[in-house]
Amino acid sequence: MTAMNENIELMMPIKTTPYDHQKKAFAFACDKFGVFDERLKSRGTALLMEMGTGKTIVSIAVAGCMYQYG
């Protein structure tokens, strides 16, 4: 799982170091939008995380990644 987290962190177009739960949320959202395998599984996703856990950073990273990878 550590190698996957490092790869996920490299894909996140943000300048901060994300926490593990942010990496998992990023990977979940990107997987649903088909960033990894180009198969759209959902047209939307919800980040159901507690207040103050970094939903905005994850959202920015997902939007930036989707922009970069088309």
Protein backbone atom coordinates (compact mmCIF):
# COMPACT_ATOMS: atom_id res chain seq x y z
CA MET A 1 0.00 0.00 0.00
CA THR A 2 2.93 2.34 0.59
CA ALA A 3 4.04 2.22 -3.06
CA MET A 4 0.51 3.01 -4.17
CA ASN A 5 0.32 5.95 -1.77
CA GLU A 6 3.59 7.34 -3.15
CA ASN A 7 2.29 7.04 -6.72
CA ILE A 8 -1.01 8.65 -5.74
CA GLU A 9 0.86 11.50 -4.06
CA LEU A 10 2.85 12.09 -7.26
CA MET A 11 -0.38 12.32 -9.26
CA MET A 12 -1.87 14.93 -6.92
CA PRO A 13 -1.17 18.38 -8.42
CA ILE A 14 -0.91 20.16 -5.08
CA LYS A 15 2.08 21.66 -3.29
CA THR A 16 1.27 20.34 0.17
CA THR A 17 1.98 16.87 1.51
CA PRO A 18 -1.37 15.08 1.79
CA TYR A 19 -2.34 12.86 4.69
CA ASP A 20 -3.15 9.19 4.09
CA HIS A 21 -6.91 9.73 4.30
CA GLN A 22 -6.62 12.49 1.68
CA LYS A 23 -4.67 10.17 -0.63
CA LYS A 24 -7.35 7.51 -0.22
CA ALA A 25 -10.15 9.99 -0.96
CA PHE A 26 -8.24 11.26 -4.01
CA ALA A 27 -7.72 7.71 -5.30
CA PHE A 28 -11.40 6.89 -4.70
CA ALA A 29 -12.67 9.94 -6.58
CA CYS A 30 -10.20 9.54 -9.46
CA ASP A 31 -11.14 5.88 -9.79
CA LYS A 32 -14.85 6.77 -9.99
CA PHE A 33 -14.11 9.37 -12.69
CA GLY A 34 -12.00 6.90 -14.68
CA VAL A 35 -8.68 8.72 -14.39
CA PHE A 36 -6.70 5.50 -13.80
CA ASP A 37 -8.28 3.13 -16.32
CA GLU A 38 -10.31 5.50 -18.55
CA ARG A 39 -13.55 3.74 -17.58
CA LEU A 40 -16.10 6.17 -16.18
CA LYS A 41 -17.79 4.50 -13.22
CA SER A 42 -19.69 7.55 -11.99
CA ARG A 43 -20.42 11.10 -13.08
CA GLY A 44 -20.05 12.34 -9.53
CA THR A 45 -18.82 11.42 -6.11
CA ALA A 46 -19.18 12.75 -2.59
CA LEU A 47 -16.38 13.33 -0.15
CA LEU A 48 -18.15 12.41 3.08
CA MET A 49 -15.38 13.45 5.44
CA GLU A 50 -15.50 15.29 8.75
CA MET A 51 -15.10 19.05 8.87
CA GLY A 52 -11.45 20.08 8.85
CA THR A 53 -10.08 16.91 7.26
CA GLY A 54 -9.10 18.43 3.93
CA LYS A 55 -12.01 17.99 1.53
CA THR A 56 -11.08 21.19 -0.27
CA ILE A 57 -7.50 20.05 -0.89
CA VAL A 58 -8.77 16.69 -2.19
CA SER A 59 -11.33 18.40 -4.43
CA ILE A 60 -8.69 20.72 -5.88
CA ALA A 61 -6.35 17.77 -6.44
CA VAL A 62 -9.06 15.73 -8.18
CA ALA A 63 -10.07 18.65 -10.41
CA GLY A 64 -6.43 19.38 -11.25
CA CYS A 65 -5.69 15.74 -12.04
CA MET A 66 -8.75 15.46 -14.26
CA TYR A 67 -7.69 18.61 -16.07
CA GLN A 68 -4.14 17.34 -16.58
CA TYR A 69 -5.16 13.89 -17.78
CA GLY A 70 -8.08 15.06 -19.90
